[in-house]
Amino acid sequence: MWAIFAQVGPALLSFIAPLVIWLVFKDRSRFVDQEAKEALNFQITLIFVHIAAAIITVITFTLGSFVYLVFIAALVFMILAAVENSKGAPYRYPVNIRLIK
């Protein structure tokens, strides 16, 4: 259950949800530890993408705002991760900078 919350929580709370879940439950379950770290790393990656998209949008005078479509794909990936976690299977995001190991 906590692994699922770590995957869909960022839709409301950004990186805070997987960070709190990882810090609280990392010693209780190896699966939750693994999946919360994966979700946290994905949210950190999205922060980098958001900063890059903002810079591109400013430089191109809003012509680069199509870059924000990436966040729709990110939402789809979070839903796919939650579905896989509900089955008890781990999920690896296709594009993820794994800063927290």
PDB file of N, CA and C in Angstrom:
ATOM      1  N   MET A   1       0.821  -1.181   0.000  1.00  0.00           N
ATOM      2  CA  MET A   1       0.000   0.000   0.000  1.00  0.00           C
ATOM      3  C   MET A   1       0.874   1.257   0.000  1.00  0.00           C
ATOM      4  N   TRP A   2       1.930   1.281   0.806  1.00  0.00           N
ATOM      5  CA  TRP A   2       2.785   2.459   0.883  1.00  0.00           C
ATOM      6  C   TRP A   2       3.577   2.661  -0.397  1.00  0.00           C
ATOM      7  N   ALA A   3       3.902   1.592  -1.093  1.00  0.00           N
ATOM      8  CA  ALA A   3       4.595   1.722  -2.374  1.00  0.00           C
ATOM      9  C   ALA A   3       3.686   2.392  -3.399  1.00  0.00           C
ATOM     10  N   ILE A   4       2.414   2.063  -3.371  1.00  0.00           N
ATOM     11  CA  ILE A   4       1.448   2.691  -4.278  1.00  0.00           C
ATOM     12  C   ILE A   4       1.315   4.172  -3.956  1.00  0.00           C
ATOM     13  N   PHE A   5       1.227   4.502  -2.663  1.00  0.00           N
ATOM     14  CA  PHE A   5       1.134   5.906  -2.266  1.00  0.00           C
ATOM     15  C   PHE A   5       2.385   6.682  -2.672  1.00  0.00           C
ATOM     16  N   ALA A   6       3.533   6.032  -2.633  1.00  0.00           N
ATOM     17  CA  ALA A   6       4.772   6.696  -3.045  1.00  0.00           C
ATOM     18  C   ALA A   6       4.751   7.013  -4.535  1.00  0.00           C
ATOM     19  N   GLN A   7       4.031   6.230  -5.318  1.00  0.00           N
ATOM     20  CA  GLN A   7       3.975   6.449  -6.759  1.00  0.00           C
ATOM     21  C   GLN A   7       2.940   7.502  -7.152  1.00  0.00           C
ATOM     22  N   VAL A   8       1.785   7.514  -6.499  1.00  0.00           N
ATOM     23  CA  VAL A   8       0.726   8.458  -6.881  1.00  0.00           C
ATOM     24  C   VAL A   8       0.697   9.707  -6.004  1.00  0.00           C
ATOM     25  N   GLY A   9       1.331   9.679  -4.873  1.00  0.00           N
ATOM     26  CA  GLY A   9       1.384  10.842  -3.990  1.00  0.00           C
ATOM     27  C   GLY A   9       1.979  12.083  -4.617  1.00  0.00           C
ATOM     28  N   PRO A  10       2.991  11.940  -5.464  1.00  0.00           N
ATOM     29  CA  PRO A  10       3.578  13.127  -6.088  1.00  0.00           C
ATOM     30  C   PRO A  10       2.623  13.916  -6.975  1.00  0.00           C
ATOM     31  N   ALA A  11       1.521  13.331  -7.385  1.00  0.00           N
ATOM     32  CA  ALA A  11       0.540  14.076  -8.172  1.00  0.00           C
ATOM     33  C   ALA A  11       0.004  15.259  -7.360  1.00  0.00           C
ATOM     34  N   LEU A  12       0.016  15.131  -6.036  1.00  0.00           N
ATOM     35  CA  LEU A  12      -0.443  16.220  -5.166  1.00  0.00           C
ATOM     36  C   LEU A  12       0.690  16.915  -4.426  1.00  0.00           C
ATOM     37  N   LEU A  13       1.702  16.148  -4.017  1.00  0.00           N
ATOM     38  CA  LEU A  13       2.718  16.693  -3.116  1.00  0.00           C
ATOM     39  C   LEU A  13       4.134  16.708  -3.677  1.00  0.00           C
ATOM     40  N   SER A  14       4.280  16.516  -4.969  1.00  0.00           N
ATOM     41  CA  SER A  14       5.598  16.508  -5.615  1.00  0.00           C
ATOM     42  C   SER A  14       6.515  15.490  -4.955  1.00  0.00           C
ATOM     43  N   PHE A  15       7.727  15.870  -4.657  1.00  0.00           N
ATOM     44  CA  PHE A  15       8.704  14.921  -4.120  1.00  0.00           C
ATOM     45  C   PHE A  15       8.517  14.659  -2.629  1.00  0.00           C
ATOM     46  N   ILE A  16       7.665  15.418  -1.962  1.00  0.00           N
ATOM     47  CA  ILE A  16       7.465  15.283  -0.514  1.00  0.00           C
ATOM     48  C   ILE A  16       6.884  13.916  -0.159  1.00  0.00           C
ATOM     49  N   ALA A  17       5.894  13.445  -0.915  1.00  0.00           N
ATOM     50  CA  ALA A  17       5.244  12.167  -0.598  1.00  0.00           C
ATOM     51  C   ALA A  17       6.219  10.997  -0.634  1.00  0.00           C
ATOM     52  N   PRO A  18       6.966  10.782  -1.726  1.00  0.00           N
ATOM     53  CA  PRO A  18       7.887   9.643  -1.690  1.00  0.00           C
ATOM     54  C   PRO A  18       9.030   9.822  -0.702  1.00  0.00           C
ATOM     55  N   LEU A  19       9.435  11.067  -0.443  1.00  0.00           N
ATOM     56  CA  LEU A  19      10.503  11.315   0.529  1.00  0.00           C
ATOM     57  C   LEU A  19      10.068  10.907   1.926  1.00  0.00           C
ATOM     58  N   VAL A  20       8.879  11.315   2.329  1.00  0.00           N
ATOM     59  CA  VAL A  20       8.376  10.970   3.666  1.00  0.00           C
ATOM     60  C   VAL A  20       8.157   9.465   3.783  1.00  0.00           C
ATOM     61  N   ILE A  21       7.570   8.861   2.761  1.00  0.00           N
ATOM     62  CA  ILE A  21       7.327   7.412   2.794  1.00  0.00           C
ATOM     63  C   ILE A  21       8.645   6.660   2.864  1.00  0.00           C
ATOM     64  N   TRP A  22       9.625   7.098   2.088  1.00  0.00           N
ATOM     65  CA  TRP A  22      10.927   6.425   2.119  1.00  0.00           C
ATOM     66  C   TRP A  22      11.599   6.571   3.482  1.00  0.00           C
ATOM     67  N   LEU A  23      11.571   7.759   4.061  1.00  0.00           N
ATOM     68  CA  LEU A  23      12.223   7.971   5.355  1.00  0.00           C
ATOM     69  C   LEU A  23      11.541   7.191   6.478  1.00  0.00           C
ATOM     70  N   VAL A  24      10.222   7.086   6.429  1.00  0.00           N
ATOM     71  CA  VAL A  24       9.483   6.421   7.496  1.00  0.00           C
ATOM     72  C   VAL A  24       9.506   4.897   7.353  1.00  0.00           C
ATOM     73  N   PHE A  25       9.369   4.393   6.126  1.00  0.00           N
ATOM     74  CA  PHE A  25       9.165   2.958   5.931  1.00  0.00           C
ATOM     75  C   PHE A  25      10.353   2.214   5.340  1.00  0.00           C
ATOM     76  N   LYS A  26      11.504   2.858   5.173  1.00  0.00           N
ATOM     77  CA  LYS A  26      12.628   2.186   4.517  1.00  0.00           C
ATOM     78  C   LYS A  26      13.161   0.993   5.300  1.00  0.00           C
ATOM     79  N   ASP A  27      13.025   1.012   6.608  1.00  0.00           N
ATOM     80  CA  ASP A  27      13.516  -0.096   7.422  1.00  0.00           C
ATOM     81  C   ASP A  27      12.478  -1.197   7.615  1.00  0.00           C
ATOM     82  N   ARG A  28      11.235  -0.933   7.294  1.00  0.00           N
ATOM     83  CA  ARG A  28      10.168  -1.910   7.523  1.00  0.00           C
ATOM     84  C   ARG A  28       9.985  -2.884   6.362  1.00  0.00           C
ATOM     85  N   SER A  29      10.230  -2.409   5.145  1.00  0.00           N
ATOM     86  CA  SER A  29       9.984  -3.248   3.980  1.00  0.00           C
ATOM     87  C   SER A  29      10.992  -2.915   2.886  1.00  0.00           C
ATOM     88  N   ARG A  30      11.637  -3.941   2.370  1.00  0.00           N
ATOM     89  CA  ARG A  30      12.606  -3.729   1.296  1.00  0.00           C
ATOM     90  C   ARG A  30      11.912  -3.272   0.015  1.00  0.00           C
ATOM     91  N   PHE A  31      10.708  -3.794  -0.231  1.00  0.00           N
ATOM     92  CA  PHE A  31       9.953  -3.414  -1.425  1.00  0.00           C
ATOM     93  C   PHE A  31       9.550  -1.940  -1.373  1.00  0.00           C
ATOM     94  N   VAL A  32       9.041  -1.491  -0.241  1.00  0.00           N
ATOM     95  CA  VAL A  32       8.652  -0.086  -0.095  1.00  0.00           C
ATOM     96  C   VAL A  32       9.882   0.806  -0.193  1.00  0.00           C
ATOM     97  N   ASP A  33      10.995   0.382   0.396  1.00  0.00           N
ATOM     98  CA  ASP A  33      12.244   1.137   0.308  1.00  0.00           C
ATOM     99  C   ASP A  33      12.648   1.315  -1.151  1.00  0.00           C
ATOM    100  N   GLN A  34      12.636   0.239  -1.902  1.00  0.00           N
ATOM    101  CA  GLN A  34      13.039   0.258  -3.305  1.00  0.00           C
ATOM    102  C   GLN A  34      12.110   1.136  -4.144  1.00  0.00           C
ATOM    103  N   GLU A  35      10.816   0.980  -3.979  1.00  0.00           N
ATOM    104  CA  GLU A  35       9.856   1.708  -4.807  1.00  0.00           C
ATOM    105  C   GLU A  35       9.746   3.181  -4.418  1.00  0.00           C
ATOM    106  N   ALA A  36       9.872   3.481  -3.142  1.00  0.00           N
ATOM    107  CA  ALA A  36       9.843   4.889  -2.714  1.00  0.00           C
ATOM    108  C   ALA A  36      11.089   5.622  -3.223  1.00  0.00           C
ATOM    109  N   LYS A  37      12.241   4.952  -3.213  1.00  0.00           N
ATOM    110  CA  LYS A  37      13.449   5.564  -3.783  1.00  0.00           C
ATOM    111  C   LYS A  37      13.289   5.792  -5.285  1.00  0.00           C
ATOM    112  N   GLU A  38      12.694   4.841  -5.961  1.00  0.00           N
ATOM    113  CA  GLU A  38      12.474   4.983  -7.406  1.00  0.00           C
ATOM    114  C   GLU A  38      11.551   6.171  -7.684  1.00  0.00           C
ATOM    115  N   ALA A  39      10.475   6.285  -6.913  1.00  0.00           N
ATOM    116  CA  ALA A  39       9.542   7.402  -7.093  1.00  0.00           C
ATOM    117  C   ALA A  39      10.209   8.733  -6.750  1.00  0.00           C
ATOM    118  N   LEU A  40      11.006   8.754  -5.692  1.00  0.00           N
ATOM    119  CA  LEU A  40      11.704   9.975  -5.295  1.00  0.00           C
ATOM    120  C   LEU A  40      12.704  10.396  -6.364  1.00  0.00           C
ATOM    121  N   ASN A  41      13.455   9.453  -6.898  1.00  0.00           N
ATOM    122  CA  ASN A  41      14.394   9.768  -7.969  1.00  0.00           C
ATOM    123  C   ASN A  41      13.667  10.297  -9.208  1.00  0.00           C
ATOM    124  N   PHE A  42      12.511   9.739  -9.518  1.00  0.00           N
ATOM    125  CA  PHE A  42      11.747  10.217 -10.666  1.00  0.00           C
ATOM    126  C   PHE A  42      11.266  11.647 -10.435  1.00  0.00           C
ATOM    127  N   GLN A  43      10.842  11.950  -9.222  1.00  0.00           N
ATOM    128  CA  GLN A  43      10.389  13.307  -8.927  1.00  0.00           C
ATOM    129  C   GLN A  43      11.543  14.309  -8.987  1.00  0.00           C
ATOM    130  N   ILE A  44      12.719  13.894  -8.552  1.00  0.00           N
ATOM    131  CA  ILE A  44      13.897  14.762  -8.667  1.00  0.00           C
ATOM    132  C   ILE A  44      14.222  14.989 -10.148  1.00  0.00           C
ATOM    133  N   THR A  45      14.118  13.952 -10.952  1.00  0.00           N
ATOM    134  CA  THR A  45      14.326  14.089 -12.398  1.00  0.00           C
ATOM    135  C   THR A  45      13.315  15.071 -12.984  1.00  0.00           C
ATOM    136  N   LEU A  46      12.057  14.991 -12.540  1.00  0.00           N
ATOM    137  CA  LEU A  46      11.033  15.906 -13.050  1.00  0.00           C
ATOM    138  C   LEU A  46      11.305  17.349 -12.642  1.00  0.00           C
ATOM    139  N   ILE A  47      11.906  17.550 -11.487  1.00  0.00           N
ATOM    140  CA  ILE A  47      12.272  18.914 -11.078  1.00  0.00           C
ATOM    141  C   ILE A  47      13.307  19.475 -12.048  1.00  0.00           C
ATOM    142  N   PHE A  48      14.302  18.658 -12.413  1.00  0.00           N
ATOM    143  CA  PHE A  48      15.296  19.097 -13.393  1.00  0.00           C
ATOM    144  C   PHE A  48      14.649  19.406 -14.738  1.00  0.00           C
ATOM    145  N   VAL A  49      13.706  18.560 -15.155  1.00  0.00           N
ATOM    146  CA  VAL A  49      13.006  18.772 -16.426  1.00  0.00           C
ATOM    147  C   VAL A  49      12.178  20.050 -16.367  1.00  0.00           C
ATOM    148  N   HIS A  50      11.549  20.294 -15.233  1.00  0.00           N
ATOM    149  CA  HIS A  50      10.738  21.499 -15.071  1.00  0.00           C
ATOM    150  C   HIS A  50      11.603  22.755 -15.187  1.00  0.00           C
ATOM    151  N   ILE A  51      12.756  22.744 -14.562  1.00  0.00           N
ATOM    152  CA  ILE A  51      13.669  23.890 -14.647  1.00  0.00           C
ATOM    153  C   ILE A  51      14.118  24.096 -16.099  1.00  0.00           C
ATOM    154  N   ALA A  52      14.482  23.010 -16.778  1.00  0.00           N
ATOM    155  CA  ALA A  52      14.900  23.109 -18.174  1.00  0.00           C
ATOM    156  C   ALA A  52      13.761  23.618 -19.050  1.00  0.00           C
ATOM    157  N   ALA A  53      12.544  23.144 -18.823  1.00  0.00           N
ATOM    158  CA  ALA A  53      11.393  23.587 -19.610  1.00  0.00           C
ATOM    159  C   ALA A  53      11.114  25.070 -19.389  1.00  0.00           C
ATOM    160  N   ALA A  54      11.273  25.534 -18.162  1.00  0.00           N
ATOM    161  CA  ALA A  54      11.067  26.955 -17.880  1.00  0.00           C
ATOM    162  C   ALA A  54      12.105  27.803 -18.602  1.00  0.00           C
ATOM    163  N   ILE A  55      13.340  27.358 -18.592  1.00  0.00           N
ATOM    164  CA  ILE A  55      14.402  28.100 -19.284  1.00  0.00           C
ATOM    165  C   ILE A  55      14.151  28.126 -20.790  1.00  0.00           C
ATOM    166  N   ILE A  56      13.778  26.981 -21.358  1.00  0.00           N
ATOM    167  CA  ILE A  56      13.490  26.915 -22.794  1.00  0.00           C
ATOM    168  C   ILE A  56      12.311  27.812 -23.153  1.00  0.00           C
ATOM    169  N   THR A  57      11.294  27.833 -22.315  1.00  0.00           N
ATOM    170  CA  THR A  57      10.119  28.662 -22.573  1.00  0.00           C
ATOM    171  C   THR A  57      10.481  30.141 -22.537  1.00  0.00           C
ATOM    172  N   VAL A  58      11.303  30.548 -21.590  1.00  0.00           N
ATOM    173  CA  VAL A  58      11.710  31.952 -21.492  1.00  0.00           C
ATOM    174  C   VAL A  58      12.585  32.337 -22.679  1.00  0.00           C
ATOM    175  N   ILE A  59      13.516  31.487 -23.034  1.00  0.00           N
ATOM    176  CA  ILE A  59      14.424  31.797 -24.141  1.00  0.00           C
ATOM    177  C   ILE A  59      13.685  31.904 -25.470  1.00  0.00           C
ATOM    178  N   THR A  60      12.714  31.026 -25.693  1.00  0.00           N
ATOM    179  CA  THR A  60      11.993  31.020 -26.973  1.00  0.00           C
ATOM    180  C   THR A  60      10.718  31.857 -26.940  1.00  0.00           C
ATOM    181  N   PHE A  61      10.542  32.659 -25.905  1.00  0.00           N
ATOM    182  CA  PHE A  61       9.363  33.518 -25.787  1.00  0.00           C
ATOM    183  C   PHE A  61       8.075  32.722 -25.899  1.00  0.00           C
ATOM    184  N   THR A  62       7.932  31.716 -25.101  1.00  0.00           N
ATOM    185  CA  THR A  62       6.788  30.807 -24.945  1.00  0.00           C
ATOM    186  C   THR A  62       6.578  29.855 -26.119  1.00  0.00           C
ATOM    187  N   LEU A  63       7.398  29.898 -27.145  1.00  0.00           N
ATOM    188  CA  LEU A  63       7.259  28.941 -28.237  1.00  0.00           C
ATOM    189  C   LEU A  63       7.683  27.538 -27.809  1.00  0.00           C
ATOM    190  N   GLY A  64       8.496  27.444 -26.777  1.00  0.00           N
ATOM    191  CA  GLY A  64       8.950  26.153 -26.290  1.00  0.00           C
ATOM    192  C   GLY A  64       8.056  25.572 -25.217  1.00  0.00           C
ATOM    193  N   SER A  65       6.881  26.154 -25.027  1.00  0.00           N
ATOM    194  CA  SER A  65       5.999  25.676 -23.958  1.00  0.00           C
ATOM    195  C   SER A  65       5.451  24.282 -24.214  1.00  0.00           C
ATOM    196  N   PHE A  66       5.606  23.762 -25.447  1.00  0.00           N
ATOM    197  CA  PHE A  66       5.177  22.397 -25.723  1.00  0.00           C
ATOM    198  C   PHE A  66       5.973  21.386 -24.906  1.00  0.00           C
ATOM    199  N   VAL A  67       7.109  21.805 -24.371  1.00  0.00           N
ATOM    200  CA  VAL A  67       7.946  20.923 -23.556  1.00  0.00           C
ATOM    201  C   VAL A  67       7.177  20.467 -22.316  1.00  0.00           C
ATOM    202  N   TYR A  68       6.205  21.244 -21.901  1.00  0.00           N
ATOM    203  CA  TYR A  68       5.428  20.889 -20.717  1.00  0.00           C
ATOM    204  C   TYR A  68       4.547  19.657 -20.942  1.00  0.00           C
ATOM    205  N   LEU A  69       4.422  19.207 -22.175  1.00  0.00           N
ATOM    206  CA  LEU A  69       3.692  17.966 -22.444  1.00  0.00           C
ATOM    207  C   LEU A  69       4.379  16.759 -21.813  1.00  0.00           C
ATOM    208  N   VAL A  70       5.631  16.919 -21.477  1.00  0.00           N
ATOM    209  CA  VAL A  70       6.376  15.859 -20.806  1.00  0.00           C
ATOM    210  C   VAL A  70       5.705  15.487 -19.490  1.00  0.00           C
ATOM    211  N   PHE A  71       5.073  16.454 -18.853  1.00  0.00           N
ATOM    212  CA  PHE A  71       4.465  16.185 -17.557  1.00  0.00           C
ATOM    213  C   PHE A  71       3.210  15.328 -17.676  1.00  0.00           C
ATOM    214  N   ILE A  72       2.565  15.328 -18.819  1.00  0.00           N
ATOM    215  CA  ILE A  72       1.453  14.400 -19.050  1.00  0.00           C
ATOM    216  C   ILE A  72       1.999  12.975 -19.115  1.00  0.00           C
ATOM    217  N   ALA A  73       3.117  12.810 -19.805  1.00  0.00           N
ATOM    218  CA  ALA A  73       3.753  11.487 -19.859  1.00  0.00           C
ATOM    219  C   ALA A  73       4.203  11.053 -18.470  1.00  0.00           C
ATOM    220  N   ALA A  74       4.690  11.987 -17.673  1.00  0.00           N
ATOM    221  CA  ALA A  74       5.122  11.656 -16.310  1.00  0.00           C
ATOM    222  C   ALA A  74       3.947  11.151 -15.480  1.00  0.00           C
ATOM    223  N   LEU A  75       2.787  11.759 -15.637  1.00  0.00           N
ATOM    224  CA  LEU A  75       1.595  11.311 -14.915  1.00  0.00           C
ATOM    225  C   LEU A  75       1.210   9.897 -15.341  1.00  0.00           C
ATOM    226  N   VAL A  76       1.318   9.609 -16.630  1.00  0.00           N
ATOM    227  CA  VAL A  76       1.026   8.257 -17.128  1.00  0.00           C
ATOM    228  C   VAL A  76       1.998   7.253 -16.516  1.00  0.00           C
ATOM    229  N   PHE A  77       3.295   7.611 -16.458  1.00  0.00           N
ATOM    230  CA  PHE A  77       4.286   6.717 -15.858  1.00  0.00           C
ATOM    231  C   PHE A  77       3.996   6.476 -14.378  1.00  0.00           C
ATOM    232  N   MET A  78       3.545   7.501 -13.655  1.00  0.00           N
ATOM    233  CA  MET A  78       3.222   7.329 -12.236  1.00  0.00           C
ATOM    234  C   MET A  78       2.041   6.377 -12.059  1.00  0.00           C
ATOM    235  N   ILE A  79       1.057   6.475 -12.935  1.00  0.00           N
ATOM    236  CA  ILE A  79      -0.098   5.570 -12.863  1.00  0.00           C
ATOM    237  C   ILE A  79       0.330   4.141 -13.184  1.00  0.00           C
ATOM    238  N   LEU A  80       1.154   3.975 -14.215  1.00  0.00           N
ATOM    239  CA  LEU A  80       1.667   2.639 -14.548  1.00  0.00           C
ATOM    240  C   LEU A  80       2.456   2.044 -13.382  1.00  0.00           C
ATOM    241  N   ALA A  81       3.251   2.870 -12.718  1.00  0.00           N
ATOM    242  CA  ALA A  81       4.021   2.398 -11.564  1.00  0.00           C
ATOM    243  C   ALA A  81       3.102   1.961 -10.437  1.00  0.00           C
ATOM    244  N   ALA A  82       2.053   2.722 -10.179  1.00  0.00           N
ATOM    245  CA  ALA A  82       1.110   2.361  -9.123  1.00  0.00           C
ATOM    246  C   ALA A  82       0.395   1.049  -9.439  1.00  0.00           C
ATOM    247  N   VAL A  83       0.038   0.849 -10.695  1.00  0.00           N
ATOM    248  CA  VAL A  83      -0.634  -0.397 -11.092  1.00  0.00           C
ATOM    249  C   VAL A  83       0.304  -1.579 -10.894  1.00  0.00           C
ATOM    250  N   GLU A  84       1.554  -1.439 -11.325  1.00  0.00           N
ATOM    251  CA  GLU A  84       2.523  -2.529 -11.150  1.00  0.00           C
ATOM    252  C   GLU A  84       2.778  -2.803  -9.660  1.00  0.00           C
ATOM    253  N   ASN A  85       2.882  -1.752  -8.859  1.00  0.00           N
ATOM    254  CA  ASN A  85       3.095  -1.944  -7.427  1.00  0.00           C
ATOM    255  C   ASN A  85       1.894  -2.586  -6.753  1.00  0.00           C
ATOM    256  N   SER A  86       0.693  -2.312  -7.258  1.00  0.00           N
ATOM    257  CA  SER A  86      -0.490  -2.938  -6.663  1.00  0.00           C
ATOM    258  C   SER A  86      -0.501  -4.440  -6.911  1.00  0.00           C
ATOM    259  N   LYS A  87       0.201  -4.881  -7.955  1.00  0.00           N
ATOM    260  CA  LYS A  87       0.338  -6.310  -8.240  1.00  0.00           C
ATOM    261  C   LYS A  87       1.490  -6.934  -7.464  1.00  0.00           C
ATOM    262  N   GLY A  88       2.246  -6.092  -6.763  1.00  0.00           N
ATOM    263  CA  GLY A  88       3.400  -6.592  -6.015  1.00  0.00           C
ATOM    264  C   GLY A  88       4.669  -6.662  -6.841  1.00  0.00           C
ATOM    265  N   ALA A  89       4.631  -6.066  -8.027  1.00  0.00           N
ATOM    266  CA  ALA A  89       5.790  -6.090  -8.922  1.00  0.00           C
ATOM    267  C   ALA A  89       6.518  -4.753  -8.870  1.00  0.00           C
ATOM    268  N   PRO A  90       7.829  -4.779  -8.951  1.00  0.00           N
ATOM    269  CA  PRO A  90       8.570  -3.514  -8.976  1.00  0.00           C
ATOM    270  C   PRO A  90       8.398  -2.815 -10.322  1.00  0.00           C
ATOM    271  N   TYR A  91       8.613  -1.502 -10.331  1.00  0.00           N
ATOM    272  CA  TYR A  91       8.501  -0.720 -11.562  1.00  0.00           C
ATOM    273  C   TYR A  91       9.737   0.150 -11.706  1.00  0.00           C
ATOM    274  N   ARG A  92      10.283   0.195 -12.905  1.00  0.00           N
ATOM    275  CA  ARG A  92      11.426   1.050 -13.213  1.00  0.00           C
ATOM    276  C   ARG A  92      10.980   2.065 -14.249  1.00  0.00           C
ATOM    277  N   TYR A  93      11.131   3.334 -13.912  1.00  0.00           N
ATOM    278  CA  TYR A  93      10.792   4.392 -14.856  1.00  0.00           C
ATOM    279  C   TYR A  93      11.765   4.353 -16.023  1.00  0.00           C
ATOM    280  N   PRO A  94      11.269   4.574 -17.255  1.00  0.00           N
ATOM    281  CA  PRO A  94      12.147   4.507 -18.418  1.00  0.00           C
ATOM    282  C   PRO A  94      13.237   5.573 -18.420  1.00  0.00           C
ATOM    283  N   VAL A  95      12.912   6.754 -17.919  1.00  0.00           N
ATOM    284  CA  VAL A  95      13.886   7.845 -17.846  1.00  0.00           C
ATOM    285  C   VAL A  95      13.957   8.278 -16.398  1.00  0.00           C
ATOM    286  N   ASN A  96      15.083   8.020 -15.756  1.00  0.00           N
ATOM    287  CA  ASN A  96      15.195   8.316 -14.339  1.00  0.00           C
ATOM    288  C   ASN A  96      16.661   8.534 -13.982  1.00  0.00           C
ATOM    289  N   ILE A  97      16.945   9.629 -13.317  1.00  0.00           N
ATOM    290  CA  ILE A  97      18.283   9.877 -12.798  1.00  0.00           C
ATOM    291  C   ILE A  97      18.294   9.336 -11.367  1.00  0.00           C
ATOM    292  N   ARG A  98      19.019   8.286 -11.148  1.00  0.00           N
ATOM    293  CA  ARG A  98      19.001   7.645  -9.824  1.00  0.00           C
ATOM    294  C   ARG A  98      20.078   8.256  -8.933  1.00  0.00           C
ATOM    295  N   LEU A  99      19.712   9.349  -8.258  1.00  0.00           N
ATOM    296  CA  LEU A  99      20.628  10.034  -7.356  1.00  0.00           C
ATOM    297  C   LEU A  99      20.664   9.364  -5.983  1.00  0.00           C
ATOM    298  N   ILE A 100      19.534   8.859  -5.546  1.00  0.00           N
ATOM    299  CA  ILE A 100      19.442   8.189  -4.245  1.00  0.00           C
ATOM    300  C   ILE A 100      19.499   6.691  -4.501  1.00  0.00           C
ATOM    301  N   LYS A 101      20.479   6.057  -3.911  1.00  0.00           N
ATOM    302  CA  LYS A 101      20.669   4.622  -4.189  1.00  0.00           C
ATOM    303  C   LYS A 101      20.329   3.777  -2.991  1.00  0.00           C
TER     304      LYS A 101
END
